[in-house]
Amino acid sequence: MDYIVFDLEFNQDFSITGNRRMLRSCFEIIQIGAIKLDEHFHSVDTFRCNVRPTIYPEVNPFITELTGLTTEHLASEDTFPSVYKSFADFSGGSESIFCSWGVADMKELFRNIEYHNLDLKRVSKRHINLQPFASHHFNLSQKKMMKLKTAAELLSIPLVYPFHDALNDAYYAAEIFKRIQNESIRPKRYNPEQAAAFSQSACRGQPKQKIDLNKLLLQFKKMYSRELTEEEKSMVILAYKMGKTRQFLH
C-alpha cells in the first residue's frame, strides 16, 4: 500500500465567455505533482508533469504570475488524457491512498477526469485530507484550516522550494504528513457523484450575491487618492474574480 501525496495547479477563464461545458468544473489542470510514500512513510518516488490546456487554451496572466507557467511553456506538453494515464500508472490503482492539502484538488482531479470521459477506476477513491489533521496536531479547531506554508514553518520544514509548483507543494504536504502521522489518520472514500450533488445543492441553496464593481473601484480610488489607470482597474477586477474561486487558499 502506498500513499500518493499530490498537488495540482490550475488554469481558469475568468471571463463570461469561457467554455460552458466546463462550468461545472471551472479549473483546468495544467500541472500535476506527487510524492509516493511507502507504508513506512518513506519517500520512494516522485511524479511531475505539465499539461497542455485545451479547455482554456490561453493561460491566464495571473496564473502565469503565480506559477510561472505560460501558454508557450505548455504548448509542447501532452494533454490531460495522456498525462492522466501516466499519473494513474504512477499512483498504482485502487490500493493506494490519495492525500492532498484540502479536498479541492481531489474534487478537481475527478472533475477533469469526468470532463474528458476517462476511466475513473484507474485511480483510487481512498483519500486523506491532511489539512484538518494538521490543525488538530497543533490543537487548533479543525474549522481553522492552516495554510500549507504555515504548517511547514511550524514543523521546522526548510522552505527550500518555491510554493505554487505542484511537485514542490506535494513535497511539503508529504513532509508534513510524515511528521503528524498517527493511527487516527485514516482514509475516507471519496464519492465524486456525491460531491458533485452536494456542490450543486449548495449553489442552489444560496442566493447569488453581486458586488458593485464601480464602488469597489471607487474605494481603491479613495485609498490611493488618485484616479486608477485602466490597467489597474482590470487588475482589481481580476483579483476579485480570482479570489471568489478560493483556488489560492493554501
C-alpha atoms as a PDB file:
ATOM      1  CA  MET A   1       0.000   0.000   0.000  1.00  0.00           C
ATOM      2  CA  ASP A   2       1.342   3.419  -0.990  1.00  0.00           C
ATOM      3  CA  TYR A   3       0.330   6.954  -0.102  1.00  0.00           C
ATOM      4  CA  ILE A   4       0.162   9.315  -3.082  1.00  0.00           C
ATOM      5  CA  VAL A   5       0.548  12.859  -1.800  1.00  0.00           C
ATOM      6  CA  PHE A   6      -0.398  15.030  -4.756  1.00  0.00           C
ATOM      7  CA  ASP A   7      -0.981  18.633  -5.712  1.00  0.00           C
ATOM      8  CA  LEU A   8      -2.438  20.331  -8.786  1.00  0.00           C
ATOM      9  CA  GLU A   9      -2.043  23.685 -10.477  1.00  0.00           C
ATOM     10  CA  PHE A  10      -4.973  25.044 -12.463  1.00  0.00           C
ATOM     11  CA  ASN A  11      -5.880  27.424 -15.241  1.00  0.00           C
ATOM     12  CA  GLN A  12      -9.218  29.191 -15.474  1.00  0.00           C
ATOM     13  CA  ASP A  13     -11.077  31.548 -17.757  1.00  0.00           C
ATOM     14  CA  PHE A  14     -12.351  34.442 -15.662  1.00  0.00           C
ATOM     15  CA  SER A  15     -14.374  35.996 -18.455  1.00  0.00           C
ATOM     16  CA  ILE A  16     -18.028  35.232 -19.128  1.00  0.00           C
ATOM     17  CA  THR A  17     -17.101  33.622 -22.459  1.00  0.00           C
ATOM     18  CA  GLY A  18     -15.476  30.512 -21.039  1.00  0.00           C
ATOM     19  CA  ASN A  19     -16.331  27.026 -22.264  1.00  0.00           C
ATOM     20  CA  ARG A  20     -19.883  26.486 -20.974  1.00  0.00           C
ATOM     21  CA  ARG A  21     -19.374  22.731 -20.828  1.00  0.00           C
ATOM     22  CA  MET A  22     -16.709  23.281 -18.166  1.00  0.00           C
ATOM     23  CA  LEU A  23     -18.779  25.489 -15.872  1.00  0.00           C
ATOM     24  CA  ARG A  24     -19.342  22.584 -13.507  1.00  0.00           C
ATOM     25  CA  SER A  25     -15.585  22.220 -13.250  1.00  0.00           C
ATOM     26  CA  CYS A  26     -14.076  25.625 -13.755  1.00  0.00           C
ATOM     27  CA  PHE A  27     -10.473  24.640 -13.031  1.00  0.00           C
ATOM     28  CA  GLU A  28      -8.461  23.006 -15.810  1.00  0.00           C
ATOM     29  CA  ILE A  29      -5.433  21.074 -14.568  1.00  0.00           C
ATOM     30  CA  ILE A  30      -2.165  22.308 -16.079  1.00  0.00           C
ATOM     31  CA  GLN A  31       0.300  20.618 -13.720  1.00  0.00           C
ATOM     32  CA  ILE A  32       0.341  17.504 -11.537  1.00  0.00           C
ATOM     33  CA  GLY A  33       2.949  16.799  -8.888  1.00  0.00           C
ATOM     34  CA  ALA A  34       3.070  13.894  -6.457  1.00  0.00           C
ATOM     35  CA  ILE A  35       5.246  12.174  -3.869  1.00  0.00           C
ATOM     36  CA  LYS A  36       4.825   8.427  -3.326  1.00  0.00           C
ATOM     37  CA  LEU A  37       5.277   7.231   0.255  1.00  0.00           C
ATOM     38  CA  ASP A  38       5.505   3.572   1.201  1.00  0.00           C
ATOM     39  CA  GLU A  39       3.686   2.068   4.187  1.00  0.00           C
ATOM     40  CA  HIS A  40       6.527   3.235   6.434  1.00  0.00           C
ATOM     41  CA  PHE A  41       6.167   6.822   5.185  1.00  0.00           C
ATOM     42  CA  HIS A  42       9.411   6.783   3.250  1.00  0.00           C
ATOM     43  CA  SER A  43       9.514   8.790   0.015  1.00  0.00           C
ATOM     44  CA  VAL A  44      10.062   6.248  -2.750  1.00  0.00           C
ATOM     45  CA  ASP A  45       9.136   8.033  -5.995  1.00  0.00           C
ATOM     46  CA  THR A  46       8.024  11.343  -7.491  1.00  0.00           C
ATOM     47  CA  PHE A  47       5.780  12.439 -10.335  1.00  0.00           C
ATOM     48  CA  ARG A  48       5.749  15.790 -12.080  1.00  0.00           C
ATOM     49  CA  CYS A  49       4.077  16.581 -15.370  1.00  0.00           C
ATOM     50  CA  ASN A  50       2.818  19.713 -17.075  1.00  0.00           C
ATOM     51  CA  VAL A  51      -0.436  19.591 -19.039  1.00  0.00           C
ATOM     52  CA  ARG A  52      -1.261  21.436 -22.258  1.00  0.00           C
ATOM     53  CA  PRO A  53      -4.624  23.152 -21.684  1.00  0.00           C
ATOM     54  CA  THR A  54      -7.370  22.501 -24.216  1.00  0.00           C
ATOM     55  CA  ILE A  55     -10.444  23.851 -22.430  1.00  0.00           C
ATOM     56  CA  TYR A  56      -8.982  27.277 -21.770  1.00  0.00           C
ATOM     57  CA  PRO A  57      -6.044  27.258 -24.234  1.00  0.00           C
ATOM     58  CA  GLU A  58      -4.622  30.576 -23.051  1.00  0.00           C
ATOM     59  CA  VAL A  59      -3.023  30.578 -19.612  1.00  0.00           C
ATOM     60  CA  ASN A  60      -4.424  33.440 -17.579  1.00  0.00           C
ATOM     61  CA  PRO A  61      -1.740  36.082 -16.795  1.00  0.00           C
ATOM     62  CA  PHE A  62      -2.484  35.826 -13.082  1.00  0.00           C
ATOM     63  CA  ILE A  63      -1.880  32.063 -13.214  1.00  0.00           C
ATOM     64  CA  THR A  64       1.408  32.702 -15.017  1.00  0.00           C
ATOM     65  CA  GLU A  65       2.472  35.154 -12.338  1.00  0.00           C
ATOM     66  CA  LEU A  66       1.541  32.678  -9.610  1.00  0.00           C
ATOM     67  CA  THR A  67       3.018  29.500 -11.100  1.00  0.00           C
ATOM     68  CA  GLY A  68       5.459  30.608 -13.784  1.00  0.00           C
ATOM     69  CA  LEU A  69       3.570  28.501 -16.342  1.00  0.00           C
ATOM     70  CA  THR A  70       2.833  30.180 -19.672  1.00  0.00           C
ATOM     71  CA  THR A  71       0.822  29.292 -22.753  1.00  0.00           C
ATOM     72  CA  GLU A  72       4.064  28.952 -24.715  1.00  0.00           C
ATOM     73  CA  HIS A  73       5.640  26.842 -21.997  1.00  0.00           C
ATOM     74  CA  LEU A  74       2.766  24.352 -22.088  1.00  0.00           C
ATOM     75  CA  ALA A  75       2.266  24.288 -25.864  1.00  0.00           C
ATOM     76  CA  SER A  76       4.511  21.252 -26.360  1.00  0.00           C
ATOM     77  CA  GLU A  77       3.212  19.287 -23.358  1.00  0.00           C
ATOM     78  CA  ASP A  78       0.799  16.343 -23.509  1.00  0.00           C
ATOM     79  CA  THR A  79      -2.900  16.930 -22.967  1.00  0.00           C
ATOM     80  CA  PHE A  80      -4.726  15.723 -19.866  1.00  0.00           C
ATOM     81  CA  PRO A  81      -5.835  12.265 -21.135  1.00  0.00           C
ATOM     82  CA  SER A  82      -2.219  11.263 -21.791  1.00  0.00           C
ATOM     83  CA  VAL A  83      -0.929  12.745 -18.527  1.00  0.00           C
ATOM     84  CA  TYR A  84      -3.766  11.095 -16.622  1.00  0.00           C
ATOM     85  CA  LYS A  85      -2.721   7.683 -17.935  1.00  0.00           C
ATOM     86  CA  SER A  86       0.835   8.279 -16.720  1.00  0.00           C
ATOM     87  CA  PHE A  87      -0.386   9.553 -13.351  1.00  0.00           C
ATOM     88  CA  ALA A  88      -2.729   6.580 -12.933  1.00  0.00           C
ATOM     89  CA  ASP A  89       0.157   4.205 -13.685  1.00  0.00           C
ATOM     90  CA  PHE A  90       2.332   6.033 -11.147  1.00  0.00           C
ATOM     91  CA  SER A  91      -0.339   6.041  -8.434  1.00  0.00           C
ATOM     92  CA  GLY A  92      -0.824   2.288  -8.555  1.00  0.00           C
ATOM     93  CA  GLY A  93      -4.591   1.981  -8.780  1.00  0.00           C
ATOM     94  CA  SER A  94      -7.245   1.405  -6.136  1.00  0.00           C
ATOM     95  CA  GLU A  95      -4.904   0.023  -3.450  1.00  0.00           C
ATOM     96  CA  SER A  96      -3.170   3.368  -2.993  1.00  0.00           C
ATOM     97  CA  ILE A  97      -4.350   6.182  -0.758  1.00  0.00           C
ATOM     98  CA  PHE A  98      -4.515   9.686  -2.193  1.00  0.00           C
ATOM     99  CA  CYS A  99      -3.519  12.517   0.139  1.00  0.00           C
ATOM    100  CA  SER A 100      -3.919  16.230  -0.506  1.00  0.00           C
ATOM    101  CA  TRP A 101      -3.893  19.552   1.307  1.00  0.00           C
ATOM    102  CA  GLY A 102      -7.629  20.178   1.378  1.00  0.00           C
ATOM    103  CA  VAL A 103     -10.284  18.461  -0.717  1.00  0.00           C
ATOM    104  CA  ALA A 104     -10.242  20.856  -3.687  1.00  0.00           C
ATOM    105  CA  ASP A 105      -7.501  19.010  -5.579  1.00  0.00           C
ATOM    106  CA  MET A 106      -9.280  15.673  -5.186  1.00  0.00           C
ATOM    107  CA  LYS A 107     -12.533  17.222  -6.390  1.00  0.00           C
ATOM    108  CA  GLU A 108     -10.962  18.906  -9.407  1.00  0.00           C
ATOM    109  CA  LEU A 109      -8.970  15.805 -10.336  1.00  0.00           C
ATOM    110  CA  PHE A 110     -12.166  13.787 -10.673  1.00  0.00           C
ATOM    111  CA  ARG A 111     -13.971  16.617 -12.429  1.00  0.00           C
ATOM    112  CA  ASN A 112     -11.239  16.804 -15.059  1.00  0.00           C
ATOM    113  CA  ILE A 113     -11.316  13.014 -15.440  1.00  0.00           C
ATOM    114  CA  GLU A 114     -15.073  13.108 -15.994  1.00  0.00           C
ATOM    115  CA  TYR A 115     -14.875  16.047 -18.371  1.00  0.00           C
ATOM    116  CA  HIS A 116     -12.513  14.097 -20.639  1.00  0.00           C
ATOM    117  CA  ASN A 117     -14.638  10.918 -20.330  1.00  0.00           C
ATOM    118  CA  LEU A 118     -11.751   8.927 -18.870  1.00  0.00           C
ATOM    119  CA  ASP A 119     -11.873   5.818 -16.702  1.00  0.00           C
ATOM    120  CA  LEU A 120     -12.482   6.807 -13.060  1.00  0.00           C
ATOM    121  CA  LYS A 121     -11.478   3.330 -11.936  1.00  0.00           C
ATOM    122  CA  ARG A 122      -7.853   3.929 -12.904  1.00  0.00           C
ATOM    123  CA  VAL A 123      -7.225   5.846  -9.670  1.00  0.00           C
ATOM    124  CA  SER A 124      -8.027   5.331  -6.022  1.00  0.00           C
ATOM    125  CA  LYS A 125     -11.005   6.911  -4.296  1.00  0.00           C
ATOM    126  CA  ARG A 126      -9.446   6.406  -0.868  1.00  0.00           C
ATOM    127  CA  HIS A 127      -8.464   9.866   0.328  1.00  0.00           C
ATOM    128  CA  ILE A 128      -6.922  11.672   3.285  1.00  0.00           C
ATOM    129  CA  ASN A 129      -7.401  15.405   3.636  1.00  0.00           C
ATOM    130  CA  LEU A 130      -4.234  16.372   5.512  1.00  0.00           C
ATOM    131  CA  GLN A 131      -5.287  19.925   6.317  1.00  0.00           C
ATOM    132  CA  PRO A 132      -7.639  19.301   9.289  1.00  0.00           C
ATOM    133  CA  PHE A 133      -5.225  16.766  10.789  1.00  0.00           C
ATOM    134  CA  ALA A 134      -2.515  19.410  10.755  1.00  0.00           C
ATOM    135  CA  SER A 135      -4.846  21.770  12.619  1.00  0.00           C
ATOM    136  CA  HIS A 136      -5.590  19.045  15.159  1.00  0.00           C
ATOM    137  CA  HIS A 137      -1.849  18.369  15.583  1.00  0.00           C
ATOM    138  CA  PHE A 138      -1.437  21.947  16.796  1.00  0.00           C
ATOM    139  CA  ASN A 139      -4.588  21.781  18.941  1.00  0.00           C
ATOM    140  CA  LEU A 140      -6.447  24.146  16.670  1.00  0.00           C
ATOM    141  CA  SER A 141     -10.074  23.865  15.660  1.00  0.00           C
ATOM    142  CA  GLN A 142     -10.426  21.723  12.534  1.00  0.00           C
ATOM    143  CA  LYS A 143     -12.592  24.539  11.202  1.00  0.00           C
ATOM    144  CA  LYS A 144      -9.459  26.713  11.232  1.00  0.00           C
ATOM    145  CA  MET A 145      -7.734  25.416   8.125  1.00  0.00           C
ATOM    146  CA  MET A 146      -3.979  26.008   8.222  1.00  0.00           C
ATOM    147  CA  LYS A 147      -2.062  27.207   5.200  1.00  0.00           C
ATOM    148  CA  LEU A 148       0.465  24.761   3.787  1.00  0.00           C
ATOM    149  CA  LYS A 149       3.323  27.207   4.344  1.00  0.00           C
ATOM    150  CA  THR A 150       2.280  27.875   7.943  1.00  0.00           C
ATOM    151  CA  ALA A 151       2.185  24.178   8.793  1.00  0.00           C
ATOM    152  CA  ALA A 152       5.594  23.624   7.180  1.00  0.00           C
ATOM    153  CA  GLU A 153       7.091  26.516   9.147  1.00  0.00           C
ATOM    154  CA  LEU A 154       5.644  25.316  12.459  1.00  0.00           C
ATOM    155  CA  LEU A 155       7.077  21.847  11.838  1.00  0.00           C
ATOM    156  CA  SER A 156      10.518  23.326  11.015  1.00  0.00           C
ATOM    157  CA  ILE A 157      10.483  22.023   7.451  1.00  0.00           C
ATOM    158  CA  PRO A 158      13.066  24.011   5.457  1.00  0.00           C
ATOM    159  CA  LEU A 159      11.311  26.117   2.810  1.00  0.00           C
ATOM    160  CA  VAL A 160      13.877  25.417   0.117  1.00  0.00           C
ATOM    161  CA  TYR A 161      11.462  25.245  -2.837  1.00  0.00           C
ATOM    162  CA  PRO A 162       9.004  27.909  -4.045  1.00  0.00           C
ATOM    163  CA  PHE A 163       5.308  27.322  -3.479  1.00  0.00           C
ATOM    164  CA  HIS A 164       2.646  27.088  -6.214  1.00  0.00           C
ATOM    165  CA  ASP A 165       4.588  24.415  -8.061  1.00  0.00           C
ATOM    166  CA  ALA A 166       2.678  21.132  -7.935  1.00  0.00           C
ATOM    167  CA  LEU A 167       5.651  18.917  -7.042  1.00  0.00           C
ATOM    168  CA  ASN A 168       7.015  21.389  -4.506  1.00  0.00           C
ATOM    169  CA  ASP A 169       3.653  21.719  -2.766  1.00  0.00           C
ATOM    170  CA  ALA A 170       3.249  17.929  -2.794  1.00  0.00           C
ATOM    171  CA  TYR A 171       6.713  17.663  -1.222  1.00  0.00           C
ATOM    172  CA  TYR A 172       5.770  19.992   1.638  1.00  0.00           C
ATOM    173  CA  ALA A 173       2.457  18.187   2.179  1.00  0.00           C
ATOM    174  CA  ALA A 174       4.297  14.834   2.276  1.00  0.00           C
ATOM    175  CA  GLU A 175       6.851  16.129   4.772  1.00  0.00           C
ATOM    176  CA  ILE A 176       4.038  17.438   6.955  1.00  0.00           C
ATOM    177  CA  PHE A 177       2.284  14.063   6.729  1.00  0.00           C
ATOM    178  CA  LYS A 178       5.437  12.266   7.880  1.00  0.00           C
ATOM    179  CA  ARG A 179       5.614  14.437  10.983  1.00  0.00           C
ATOM    180  CA  ILE A 180       1.960  14.360  12.037  1.00  0.00           C
ATOM    181  CA  GLN A 181       1.002  10.825  11.013  1.00  0.00           C
ATOM    182  CA  ASN A 182      -0.634   8.638  13.661  1.00  0.00           C
ATOM    183  CA  GLU A 183      -3.114   5.789  13.860  1.00  0.00           C
ATOM    184  CA  SER A 184      -6.112   8.125  13.956  1.00  0.00           C
ATOM    185  CA  ILE A 185      -5.414   9.367  10.428  1.00  0.00           C
ATOM    186  CA  ARG A 186      -7.387   7.047   8.213  1.00  0.00           C
ATOM    187  CA  PRO A 187      -8.609   7.432   4.636  1.00  0.00           C
ATOM    188  CA  LYS A 188     -12.206   8.072   3.703  1.00  0.00           C
ATOM    189  CA  ARG A 189     -13.833   7.002   0.474  1.00  0.00           C
ATOM    190  CA  TYR A 190     -14.262   9.929  -1.881  1.00  0.00           C
ATOM    191  CA  ASN A 191     -17.519   9.827  -3.816  1.00  0.00           C
ATOM    192  CA  PRO A 192     -17.363  12.037  -6.954  1.00  0.00           C
ATOM    193  CA  GLU A 193     -21.109  11.783  -7.577  1.00  0.00           C
ATOM    194  CA  GLN A 194     -21.998  12.745  -4.011  1.00  0.00           C
ATOM    195  CA  ALA A 195     -19.509  15.629  -4.050  1.00  0.00           C
ATOM    196  CA  ALA A 196     -20.992  16.953  -7.297  1.00  0.00           C
ATOM    197  CA  ALA A 197     -24.539  16.684  -5.951  1.00  0.00           C
ATOM    198  CA  PHE A 198     -23.565  18.475  -2.735  1.00  0.00           C
ATOM    199  CA  SER A 199     -21.855  21.248  -4.692  1.00  0.00           C
ATOM    200  CA  GLN A 200     -24.873  21.780  -6.932  1.00  0.00           C
ATOM    201  CA  SER A 201     -27.242  21.692  -3.953  1.00  0.00           C
ATOM    202  CA  ALA A 202     -25.148  24.230  -2.080  1.00  0.00           C
ATOM    203  CA  CYS A 203     -25.149  26.536  -5.086  1.00  0.00           C
ATOM    204  CA  ARG A 204     -28.919  26.281  -5.461  1.00  0.00           C
ATOM    205  CA  GLY A 205     -29.426  26.954  -1.763  1.00  0.00           C
ATOM    206  CA  GLN A 206     -27.549  30.229  -1.702  1.00  0.00           C
ATOM    207  CA  PRO A 207     -28.835  33.403  -3.325  1.00  0.00           C
ATOM    208  CA  LYS A 208     -26.492  34.943  -5.859  1.00  0.00           C
ATOM    209  CA  GLN A 209     -24.519  37.828  -4.490  1.00  0.00           C
ATOM    210  CA  LYS A 210     -23.235  40.572  -6.700  1.00  0.00           C
ATOM    211  CA  ILE A 211     -20.645  43.180  -5.930  1.00  0.00           C
ATOM    212  CA  ASP A 212     -20.851  46.722  -7.183  1.00  0.00           C
ATOM    213  CA  LEU A 213     -17.595  46.922  -9.144  1.00  0.00           C
ATOM    214  CA  ASN A 214     -17.911  50.682  -9.514  1.00  0.00           C
ATOM    215  CA  LYS A 215     -17.994  51.085  -5.730  1.00  0.00           C
ATOM    216  CA  LEU A 216     -15.049  48.693  -5.409  1.00  0.00           C
ATOM    217  CA  LEU A 217     -13.003  50.780  -7.828  1.00  0.00           C
ATOM    218  CA  LEU A 218     -14.126  53.963  -6.085  1.00  0.00           C
ATOM    219  CA  GLN A 219     -12.817  52.569  -2.798  1.00  0.00           C
ATOM    220  CA  PHE A 220      -9.403  51.969  -4.355  1.00  0.00           C
ATOM    221  CA  LYS A 221      -9.501  55.494  -5.769  1.00  0.00           C
ATOM    222  CA  LYS A 222     -10.088  56.850  -2.242  1.00  0.00           C
ATOM    223  CA  MET A 223      -7.332  54.675  -0.797  1.00  0.00           C
ATOM    224  CA  TYR A 224      -4.754  55.969  -3.250  1.00  0.00           C
ATOM    225  CA  SER A 225      -6.182  59.500  -3.553  1.00  0.00           C
ATOM    226  CA  ARG A 226      -5.999  59.408  -7.337  1.00  0.00           C
ATOM    227  CA  GLU A 227      -7.675  58.018 -10.434  1.00  0.00           C
ATOM    228  CA  LEU A 228      -6.831  54.407 -11.296  1.00  0.00           C
ATOM    229  CA  THR A 229      -5.391  53.597 -14.691  1.00  0.00           C
ATOM    230  CA  GLU A 230      -7.335  51.206 -16.933  1.00  0.00           C
ATOM    231  CA  GLU A 231      -4.692  48.545 -16.276  1.00  0.00           C
ATOM    232  CA  GLU A 232      -5.077  48.979 -12.509  1.00  0.00           C
ATOM    233  CA  LYS A 233      -8.864  48.733 -12.792  1.00  0.00           C
ATOM    234  CA  SER A 234      -8.526  45.486 -14.762  1.00  0.00           C
ATOM    235  CA  MET A 235      -6.150  44.063 -12.150  1.00  0.00           C
ATOM    236  CA  VAL A 236      -8.510  44.912  -9.267  1.00  0.00           C
ATOM    237  CA  ILE A 237     -11.468  43.273 -11.015  1.00  0.00           C
ATOM    238  CA  LEU A 238      -9.410  40.215 -11.973  1.00  0.00           C
ATOM    239  CA  ALA A 239      -8.101  39.831  -8.410  1.00  0.00           C
ATOM    240  CA  TYR A 240     -11.680  39.986  -7.099  1.00  0.00           C
ATOM    241  CA  LYS A 241     -12.869  37.305  -9.524  1.00  0.00           C
ATOM    242  CA  MET A 242      -9.927  35.044  -8.736  1.00  0.00           C
ATOM    243  CA  GLY A 243     -10.439  35.466  -5.012  1.00  0.00           C
ATOM    244  CA  LYS A 244     -14.019  34.260  -5.360  1.00  0.00           C
ATOM    245  CA  THR A 245     -12.808  30.930  -6.729  1.00  0.00           C
ATOM    246  CA  ARG A 246     -10.986  30.099  -3.462  1.00  0.00           C
ATOM    247  CA  GLN A 247      -8.357  28.346  -5.551  1.00  0.00           C
ATOM    248  CA  PHE A 248      -5.489  30.029  -3.771  1.00  0.00           C
ATOM    249  CA  LEU A 249      -6.294  29.062  -0.194  1.00  0.00           C
ATOM    250  CA  HIS A 250      -3.129  27.216   0.823  1.00  0.00           C
END
